[in-house]
Amino acid sequence: MDENNNEELEDNIVTLKDEDGNDVNFEFLDLIDYEGEEYVVLLPAEDVENEEPDEVVILKTEKTEENSDSDEETYVSVEDEDVLNAVFDIFKDKFKDEFNFVD
């Protein structure tokens, strides 16, 4: 792999904290607009406990209240299965030629 590809991969890495405060790296795959909200689709960059291999994580983006003037965002869990499925369906349709999805 050449150096430019490695830098590109590093630019797509998002580090989040898990429930225990540990850093977990994810590869940013896409930002999906759904019903006026934005959702990020992330792929664990390393094995994550309780996650199936190659299972994506979908989180909703929200502006931080402390810095409402800034562009800072936080990611929050999505509990609504219908929303998760709809966002994932949009993602699958958008990337059907790039990924081999298993139902």
N, C-alpha and C. Protein backbone atom coordinates (compact mmCIF):
# COMPACT_ATOMS: atom_id res chain seq x y z
N MET A 1 0.85 -1.19 0.00
CA MET A 1 0.00 0.00 0.00
C MET A 1 0.89 1.24 0.00
N ASP A 2 0.59 2.19 -0.87
CA ASP A 2 1.42 3.38 -0.89
C ASP A 2 1.02 4.36 0.21
N GLU A 3 1.86 5.34 0.44
CA GLU A 3 1.69 6.26 1.56
C GLU A 3 0.40 7.07 1.45
N ASN A 4 0.01 7.48 0.24
CA ASN A 4 -1.20 8.28 0.07
C ASN A 4 -2.45 7.51 0.48
N ASN A 5 -2.52 6.23 0.11
CA ASN A 5 -3.67 5.41 0.53
C ASN A 5 -3.71 5.27 2.04
N ASN A 6 -2.56 5.13 2.67
CA ASN A 6 -2.51 5.02 4.11
C ASN A 6 -3.01 6.30 4.78
N GLU A 7 -2.61 7.46 4.24
CA GLU A 7 -3.07 8.74 4.79
C GLU A 7 -4.58 8.88 4.62
N GLU A 8 -5.10 8.46 3.46
CA GLU A 8 -6.54 8.53 3.23
C GLU A 8 -7.28 7.69 4.25
N LEU A 9 -6.79 6.48 4.52
CA LEU A 9 -7.43 5.61 5.50
C LEU A 9 -7.42 6.26 6.87
N GLU A 10 -6.30 6.87 7.26
CA GLU A 10 -6.22 7.52 8.55
C GLU A 10 -7.19 8.69 8.66
N ASP A 11 -7.43 9.40 7.54
CA ASP A 11 -8.37 10.51 7.55
C ASP A 11 -9.80 10.05 7.77
N ASN A 12 -10.11 8.81 7.44
CA ASN A 12 -11.46 8.28 7.58
C ASN A 12 -11.68 7.58 8.91
N ILE A 13 -10.72 7.64 9.82
CA ILE A 13 -10.85 6.98 11.11
C ILE A 13 -11.46 7.94 12.13
N VAL A 14 -12.50 7.46 12.81
CA VAL A 14 -13.17 8.21 13.86
C VAL A 14 -12.95 7.45 15.15
N THR A 15 -12.50 8.13 16.19
CA THR A 15 -12.29 7.49 17.48
C THR A 15 -13.41 7.91 18.43
N LEU A 16 -14.12 6.92 18.95
CA LEU A 16 -15.21 7.16 19.90
C LEU A 16 -14.89 6.47 21.22
N LYS A 17 -15.58 6.86 22.27
CA LYS A 17 -15.43 6.22 23.58
C LYS A 17 -16.56 5.20 23.76
N ASP A 18 -16.21 4.02 24.28
CA ASP A 18 -17.25 3.04 24.59
C ASP A 18 -17.80 3.29 25.99
N GLU A 19 -18.69 2.40 26.44
CA GLU A 19 -19.33 2.58 27.75
C GLU A 19 -18.33 2.63 28.90
N ASP A 20 -17.16 1.99 28.71
CA ASP A 20 -16.15 1.93 29.75
C ASP A 20 -15.12 3.04 29.63
N GLY A 21 -15.30 3.96 28.66
CA GLY A 21 -14.36 5.06 28.48
C GLY A 21 -13.15 4.72 27.64
N ASN A 22 -13.16 3.54 27.01
CA ASN A 22 -12.04 3.13 26.16
C ASN A 22 -12.21 3.71 24.75
N ASP A 23 -11.09 4.08 24.12
CA ASP A 23 -11.12 4.55 22.75
C ASP A 23 -11.36 3.38 21.80
N VAL A 24 -12.27 3.58 20.85
CA VAL A 24 -12.56 2.57 19.84
C VAL A 24 -12.52 3.27 18.48
N ASN A 25 -11.75 2.70 17.55
CA ASN A 25 -11.62 3.29 16.22
C ASN A 25 -12.63 2.70 15.25
N PHE A 26 -13.21 3.59 14.44
CA PHE A 26 -14.16 3.20 13.40
C PHE A 26 -13.73 3.84 12.10
N GLU A 27 -14.03 3.15 11.00
CA GLU A 27 -13.83 3.75 9.68
C GLU A 27 -15.14 4.43 9.28
N PHE A 28 -15.06 5.71 8.95
CA PHE A 28 -16.22 6.46 8.50
C PHE A 28 -16.54 6.01 7.08
N LEU A 29 -17.77 5.50 6.87
CA LEU A 29 -18.18 5.04 5.55
C LEU A 29 -19.05 6.04 4.81
N ASP A 30 -20.01 6.65 5.52
CA ASP A 30 -20.91 7.56 4.83
C ASP A 30 -21.72 8.38 5.83
N LEU A 31 -22.29 9.46 5.31
CA LEU A 31 -23.22 10.31 6.05
C LEU A 31 -24.53 10.25 5.27
N ILE A 32 -25.60 9.81 5.94
CA ILE A 32 -26.89 9.61 5.30
C ILE A 32 -27.90 10.60 5.86
N ASP A 33 -28.62 11.29 4.97
CA ASP A 33 -29.73 12.14 5.37
C ASP A 33 -31.00 11.30 5.34
N TYR A 34 -31.75 11.33 6.44
CA TYR A 34 -33.01 10.59 6.51
C TYR A 34 -34.00 11.38 7.35
N GLU A 35 -35.10 11.76 6.75
CA GLU A 35 -36.18 12.50 7.41
C GLU A 35 -35.67 13.72 8.18
N GLY A 36 -34.80 14.49 7.52
CA GLY A 36 -34.31 15.72 8.11
C GLY A 36 -33.23 15.56 9.16
N GLU A 37 -32.77 14.36 9.38
CA GLU A 37 -31.70 14.09 10.34
C GLU A 37 -30.52 13.49 9.60
N GLU A 38 -29.33 13.60 10.19
CA GLU A 38 -28.13 13.02 9.60
C GLU A 38 -27.65 11.86 10.46
N TYR A 39 -27.23 10.80 9.77
CA TYR A 39 -26.74 9.59 10.43
C TYR A 39 -25.40 9.21 9.83
N VAL A 40 -24.46 8.79 10.68
CA VAL A 40 -23.17 8.32 10.18
C VAL A 40 -23.20 6.80 10.15
N VAL A 41 -22.54 6.26 9.14
CA VAL A 41 -22.39 4.82 9.03
C VAL A 41 -20.91 4.53 9.24
N LEU A 42 -20.62 3.75 10.28
CA LEU A 42 -19.24 3.47 10.67
C LEU A 42 -18.99 1.97 10.66
N LEU A 43 -17.77 1.60 10.36
CA LEU A 43 -17.34 0.20 10.40
C LEU A 43 -16.24 0.09 11.45
N PRO A 44 -16.39 -0.82 12.42
CA PRO A 44 -15.32 -0.97 13.41
C PRO A 44 -13.99 -1.25 12.72
N ALA A 45 -12.97 -0.48 13.08
CA ALA A 45 -11.65 -0.64 12.49
C ALA A 45 -10.88 -1.78 13.15
N GLU A 46 -11.41 -2.25 14.26
CA GLU A 46 -10.81 -3.35 15.00
C GLU A 46 -11.95 -4.15 15.60
N ASP A 47 -11.66 -5.34 16.09
CA ASP A 47 -12.72 -6.14 16.69
C ASP A 47 -13.32 -5.42 17.89
N VAL A 48 -14.64 -5.28 17.88
CA VAL A 48 -15.35 -4.62 18.97
C VAL A 48 -16.20 -5.67 19.67
N GLU A 49 -16.11 -5.70 20.99
CA GLU A 49 -16.89 -6.65 21.76
C GLU A 49 -18.38 -6.45 21.47
N ASN A 50 -19.12 -7.53 21.35
CA ASN A 50 -20.57 -7.54 21.08
C ASN A 50 -20.92 -7.11 19.66
N GLU A 51 -19.98 -7.01 18.76
CA GLU A 51 -20.27 -6.66 17.36
C GLU A 51 -19.90 -7.85 16.48
N GLU A 52 -20.73 -8.12 15.50
CA GLU A 52 -20.42 -9.14 14.51
C GLU A 52 -19.32 -8.60 13.60
N PRO A 53 -18.49 -9.48 13.05
CA PRO A 53 -17.48 -9.01 12.10
C PRO A 53 -18.14 -8.30 10.91
N ASP A 54 -17.58 -7.19 10.49
CA ASP A 54 -18.07 -6.41 9.35
C ASP A 54 -19.49 -5.88 9.54
N GLU A 55 -19.93 -5.74 10.77
CA GLU A 55 -21.24 -5.16 11.05
C GLU A 55 -21.07 -3.65 11.23
N VAL A 56 -21.85 -2.87 10.49
CA VAL A 56 -21.73 -1.42 10.59
C VAL A 56 -22.45 -0.91 11.82
N VAL A 57 -22.05 0.27 12.23
CA VAL A 57 -22.68 0.97 13.34
C VAL A 57 -23.31 2.25 12.77
N ILE A 58 -24.57 2.48 13.09
CA ILE A 58 -25.27 3.68 12.62
C ILE A 58 -25.58 4.55 13.83
N LEU A 59 -25.12 5.80 13.78
CA LEU A 59 -25.34 6.74 14.88
C LEU A 59 -25.92 8.03 14.32
N LYS A 60 -26.75 8.68 15.10
CA LYS A 60 -27.35 9.96 14.71
C LYS A 60 -26.40 11.08 15.09
N THR A 61 -26.27 12.09 14.23
CA THR A 61 -25.43 13.24 14.56
C THR A 61 -26.28 14.31 15.23
N GLU A 62 -25.71 14.96 16.22
CA GLU A 62 -26.37 16.07 16.91
C GLU A 62 -25.34 17.15 17.17
N LYS A 63 -25.75 18.40 17.04
CA LYS A 63 -24.87 19.52 17.38
C LYS A 63 -24.69 19.53 18.90
N THR A 64 -23.48 19.88 19.33
CA THR A 64 -23.25 19.98 20.76
C THR A 64 -23.90 21.26 21.28
N GLU A 65 -24.57 21.16 22.42
CA GLU A 65 -25.27 22.31 22.99
C GLU A 65 -24.31 23.34 23.57
N GLU A 66 -23.18 22.87 24.12
CA GLU A 66 -22.24 23.79 24.75
C GLU A 66 -21.68 24.80 23.74
N ASN A 67 -21.46 24.34 22.53
CA ASN A 67 -20.86 25.19 21.51
C ASN A 67 -21.80 25.30 20.32
N SER A 68 -22.99 25.81 20.53
CA SER A 68 -23.99 25.84 19.47
C SER A 68 -23.54 26.68 18.28
N ASP A 69 -22.57 27.59 18.48
CA ASP A 69 -22.05 28.40 17.38
C ASP A 69 -21.03 27.65 16.54
N SER A 70 -20.49 26.57 17.09
CA SER A 70 -19.46 25.83 16.37
C SER A 70 -20.10 24.72 15.54
N ASP A 71 -19.26 24.07 14.75
CA ASP A 71 -19.73 22.97 13.92
C ASP A 71 -19.50 21.62 14.58
N GLU A 72 -19.21 21.61 15.88
CA GLU A 72 -18.94 20.35 16.57
C GLU A 72 -20.22 19.52 16.65
N GLU A 73 -20.05 18.20 16.45
CA GLU A 73 -21.17 17.29 16.52
C GLU A 73 -20.85 16.17 17.48
N THR A 74 -21.90 15.57 18.00
CA THR A 74 -21.75 14.35 18.77
C THR A 74 -22.55 13.27 18.06
N TYR A 75 -22.23 12.03 18.35
CA TYR A 75 -22.95 10.90 17.79
C TYR A 75 -23.71 10.22 18.91
N VAL A 76 -24.98 9.93 18.66
CA VAL A 76 -25.82 9.28 19.66
C VAL A 76 -26.42 8.00 19.09
N SER A 77 -26.67 7.05 19.97
CA SER A 77 -27.26 5.77 19.57
C SER A 77 -28.67 5.97 19.03
N VAL A 78 -29.04 5.09 18.13
CA VAL A 78 -30.39 5.10 17.56
C VAL A 78 -31.09 3.84 18.06
N GLU A 79 -32.19 4.02 18.78
CA GLU A 79 -32.91 2.89 19.35
C GLU A 79 -34.01 2.37 18.43
N ASP A 80 -34.51 3.22 17.53
CA ASP A 80 -35.64 2.88 16.66
C ASP A 80 -35.17 1.96 15.52
N GLU A 81 -35.60 0.70 15.58
CA GLU A 81 -35.19 -0.28 14.57
C GLU A 81 -35.63 0.11 13.16
N ASP A 82 -36.81 0.74 13.04
CA ASP A 82 -37.30 1.16 11.73
C ASP A 82 -36.37 2.21 11.12
N VAL A 83 -35.89 3.15 11.93
CA VAL A 83 -34.96 4.17 11.45
C VAL A 83 -33.64 3.52 11.06
N LEU A 84 -33.13 2.64 11.91
CA LEU A 84 -31.87 1.95 11.59
C LEU A 84 -31.98 1.19 10.27
N ASN A 85 -33.07 0.46 10.09
CA ASN A 85 -33.25 -0.31 8.87
C ASN A 85 -33.38 0.59 7.65
N ALA A 86 -34.10 1.70 7.78
CA ALA A 86 -34.27 2.64 6.66
C ALA A 86 -32.94 3.26 6.27
N VAL A 87 -32.16 3.69 7.25
CA VAL A 87 -30.85 4.29 6.97
C VAL A 87 -29.92 3.25 6.33
N PHE A 88 -29.94 2.03 6.86
CA PHE A 88 -29.09 0.97 6.31
C PHE A 88 -29.52 0.62 4.89
N ASP A 89 -30.82 0.62 4.60
CA ASP A 89 -31.29 0.36 3.24
C ASP A 89 -30.79 1.42 2.27
N ILE A 90 -30.80 2.69 2.69
CA ILE A 90 -30.27 3.77 1.85
C ILE A 90 -28.79 3.54 1.59
N PHE A 91 -28.06 3.20 2.65
CA PHE A 91 -26.62 2.93 2.54
C PHE A 91 -26.37 1.76 1.58
N LYS A 92 -27.12 0.66 1.74
CA LYS A 92 -26.93 -0.50 0.87
C LYS A 92 -27.20 -0.16 -0.59
N ASP A 93 -28.25 0.61 -0.84
CA ASP A 93 -28.59 0.99 -2.21
C ASP A 93 -27.49 1.86 -2.82
N LYS A 94 -26.97 2.77 -2.01
CA LYS A 94 -25.95 3.70 -2.47
C LYS A 94 -24.63 2.99 -2.80
N PHE A 95 -24.31 1.94 -2.05
CA PHE A 95 -23.03 1.26 -2.19
C PHE A 95 -23.17 -0.18 -2.68
N LYS A 96 -24.26 -0.50 -3.36
CA LYS A 96 -24.50 -1.88 -3.80
C LYS A 96 -23.40 -2.42 -4.72
N ASP A 97 -22.73 -1.53 -5.44
CA ASP A 97 -21.67 -1.97 -6.35
C ASP A 97 -20.30 -2.05 -5.69
N GLU A 98 -20.18 -1.51 -4.48
CA GLU A 98 -18.88 -1.48 -3.81
C GLU A 98 -18.74 -2.51 -2.70
N PHE A 99 -19.86 -2.93 -2.10
CA PHE A 99 -19.83 -3.87 -0.99
C PHE A 99 -20.68 -5.09 -1.33
N ASN A 100 -20.33 -6.23 -0.76
CA ASN A 100 -21.11 -7.44 -0.91
C ASN A 100 -21.94 -7.61 0.37
N PHE A 101 -23.20 -7.19 0.32
CA PHE A 101 -24.05 -7.22 1.50
C PHE A 101 -24.67 -8.60 1.67
N VAL A 102 -24.72 -9.08 2.92
CA VAL A 102 -25.33 -10.36 3.25
C VAL A 102 -26.57 -10.07 4.08
N ASP A 103 -27.70 -10.59 3.62
CA ASP A 103 -28.96 -10.37 4.37
C ASP A 103 -29.12 -11.38 5.47
